[in-house]
Amino acid sequence: MTEQDILNVAKAYSAHNSISLGTLSLYAADDGKFFGRLEAGKSCTLKRANEILRWFSVKWPPDLEWPSDIRRPDGPRKAVA
């Protein structure tokens, strides 16, 4: 998994739901600048990446196909708000 993988998932989700990456950053990462920092070339910890991908997996719209080149987490290990 790479930062670009996380961005690809985020961009697919935001486009499908017609929300900005900044708004999605607030929902998925509780940080309005998270995806912007990734776009700027910054990184995140593996733990943080896994938490965010689990959030996406739980919230993923049923009518949107998960990106085939990115492994989808099995499920949340803790409740996702």
C-alpha atoms as a PDB file:
ATOM      1  CA  MET A   1       0.000   0.000   0.000  1.00  0.00           C
ATOM      2  CA  THR A   2       1.239   3.459  -0.873  1.00  0.00           C
ATOM      3  CA  GLU A   3       0.097   6.994  -0.246  1.00  0.00           C
ATOM      4  CA  GLN A   4      -1.033   7.046  -3.892  1.00  0.00           C
ATOM      5  CA  ASP A   5      -3.256   4.013  -3.221  1.00  0.00           C
ATOM      6  CA  ILE A   6      -4.946   5.893  -0.387  1.00  0.00           C
ATOM      7  CA  LEU A   7      -5.385   8.921  -2.627  1.00  0.00           C
ATOM      8  CA  ASN A   8      -6.851   6.794  -5.412  1.00  0.00           C
ATOM      9  CA  VAL A   9      -9.431   5.343  -3.026  1.00  0.00           C
ATOM     10  CA  ALA A  10     -10.184   8.828  -1.660  1.00  0.00           C
ATOM     11  CA  LYS A  11     -10.563  10.357  -5.125  1.00  0.00           C
ATOM     12  CA  ALA A  12     -12.902   7.587  -6.286  1.00  0.00           C
ATOM     13  CA  TYR A  13     -15.022   7.988  -3.145  1.00  0.00           C
ATOM     14  CA  SER A  14     -15.097  11.798  -3.302  1.00  0.00           C
ATOM     15  CA  ALA A  15     -16.001  11.853  -7.003  1.00  0.00           C
ATOM     16  CA  HIS A  16     -18.755   9.294  -6.518  1.00  0.00           C
ATOM     17  CA  ASN A  17     -20.225  11.188  -3.569  1.00  0.00           C
ATOM     18  CA  SER A  18     -19.617  14.684  -5.017  1.00  0.00           C
ATOM     19  CA  ILE A  19     -17.603  15.928  -2.052  1.00  0.00           C
ATOM     20  CA  SER A  20     -14.230  17.626  -1.962  1.00  0.00           C
ATOM     21  CA  LEU A  21     -11.094  15.884  -0.744  1.00  0.00           C
ATOM     22  CA  GLY A  22     -10.931  18.426   2.073  1.00  0.00           C
ATOM     23  CA  THR A  23     -14.392  17.502   3.307  1.00  0.00           C
ATOM     24  CA  LEU A  24     -13.599  13.827   2.897  1.00  0.00           C
ATOM     25  CA  SER A  25     -10.401  14.364   4.903  1.00  0.00           C
ATOM     26  CA  LEU A  26     -12.539  15.564   7.791  1.00  0.00           C
ATOM     27  CA  TYR A  27     -14.778  12.500   7.601  1.00  0.00           C
ATOM     28  CA  ALA A  28     -12.161   9.806   6.977  1.00  0.00           C
ATOM     29  CA  ALA A  29      -9.140  11.173   8.823  1.00  0.00           C
ATOM     30  CA  ASP A  30     -10.618  13.768  11.197  1.00  0.00           C
ATOM     31  CA  ASP A  31      -8.133  16.158   9.572  1.00  0.00           C
ATOM     32  CA  GLY A  32      -9.235  18.479   6.773  1.00  0.00           C
ATOM     33  CA  LYS A  33      -5.749  18.669   5.280  1.00  0.00           C
ATOM     34  CA  PHE A  34      -4.819  14.969   5.348  1.00  0.00           C
ATOM     35  CA  PHE A  35      -5.396  14.134   1.661  1.00  0.00           C
ATOM     36  CA  GLY A  36      -3.948  17.496   0.598  1.00  0.00           C
ATOM     37  CA  ARG A  37      -0.721  16.640   2.403  1.00  0.00           C
ATOM     38  CA  LEU A  38      -0.603  13.265   0.665  1.00  0.00           C
ATOM     39  CA  GLU A  39      -1.098  15.014  -2.686  1.00  0.00           C
ATOM     40  CA  ALA A  40       1.817  17.280  -1.798  1.00  0.00           C
ATOM     41  CA  GLY A  41       4.084  14.275  -1.349  1.00  0.00           C
ATOM     42  CA  LYS A  42       3.901  13.862   2.409  1.00  0.00           C
ATOM     43  CA  SER A  43       3.514  10.445   3.995  1.00  0.00           C
ATOM     44  CA  CYS A  44       1.623   8.875   6.862  1.00  0.00           C
ATOM     45  CA  THR A  45       2.204   5.973   9.192  1.00  0.00           C
ATOM     46  CA  LEU A  46       1.130   2.483   8.236  1.00  0.00           C
ATOM     47  CA  LYS A  47      -1.227   2.459  11.213  1.00  0.00           C
ATOM     48  CA  ARG A  48      -2.907   5.662  10.006  1.00  0.00           C
ATOM     49  CA  ALA A  49      -3.150   4.346   6.441  1.00  0.00           C
ATOM     50  CA  ASN A  50      -4.806   1.145   7.652  1.00  0.00           C
ATOM     51  CA  GLU A  51      -7.278   3.073   9.824  1.00  0.00           C
ATOM     52  CA  ILE A  52      -8.301   5.238   6.885  1.00  0.00           C
ATOM     53  CA  LEU A  53      -8.632   2.321   4.480  1.00  0.00           C
ATOM     54  CA  ARG A  54     -10.809   0.511   7.039  1.00  0.00           C
ATOM     55  CA  TRP A  55     -12.982   3.630   7.263  1.00  0.00           C
ATOM     56  CA  PHE A  56     -13.375   3.591   3.485  1.00  0.00           C
ATOM     57  CA  SER A  57     -14.134  -0.123   3.460  1.00  0.00           C
ATOM     58  CA  VAL A  58     -16.957   0.309   5.989  1.00  0.00           C
ATOM     59  CA  LYS A  59     -18.390   3.430   4.323  1.00  0.00           C
ATOM     60  CA  TRP A  60     -17.853   2.327   0.696  1.00  0.00           C
ATOM     61  CA  PRO A  61     -20.973   2.795  -1.477  1.00  0.00           C
ATOM     62  CA  PRO A  62     -22.426  -0.514  -2.697  1.00  0.00           C
ATOM     63  CA  ASP A  63     -22.814   0.863  -6.225  1.00  0.00           C
ATOM     64  CA  LEU A  64     -19.131   1.804  -6.536  1.00  0.00           C
ATOM     65  CA  GLU A  65     -16.535  -0.838  -7.341  1.00  0.00           C
ATOM     66  CA  TRP A  66     -13.542  -0.898  -4.987  1.00  0.00           C
ATOM     67  CA  PRO A  67     -10.322  -0.217  -6.969  1.00  0.00           C
ATOM     68  CA  SER A  68      -9.149  -3.640  -8.129  1.00  0.00           C
ATOM     69  CA  ASP A  69      -5.447  -2.896  -7.671  1.00  0.00           C
ATOM     70  CA  ILE A  70      -5.836  -2.002  -3.973  1.00  0.00           C
ATOM     71  CA  ARG A  71      -6.431  -4.659  -1.322  1.00  0.00           C
ATOM     72  CA  ARG A  72      -9.641  -3.970   0.556  1.00  0.00           C
ATOM     73  CA  PRO A  73      -9.467  -4.425   4.335  1.00  0.00           C
ATOM     74  CA  ASP A  74     -11.522  -7.290   5.728  1.00  0.00           C
ATOM     75  CA  GLY A  75     -13.365  -5.099   8.201  1.00  0.00           C
ATOM     76  CA  PRO A  76     -12.987  -2.668  11.046  1.00  0.00           C
ATOM     77  CA  ARG A  77     -11.075  -3.672  14.142  1.00  0.00           C
ATOM     78  CA  LYS A  78     -12.854  -0.990  16.113  1.00  0.00           C
ATOM     79  CA  ALA A  79     -15.998   1.036  15.594  1.00  0.00           C
ATOM     80  CA  VAL A  80     -15.772   3.607  12.827  1.00  0.00           C
ATOM     81  CA  ALA A  81     -17.711   6.832  13.343  1.00  0.00           C
END
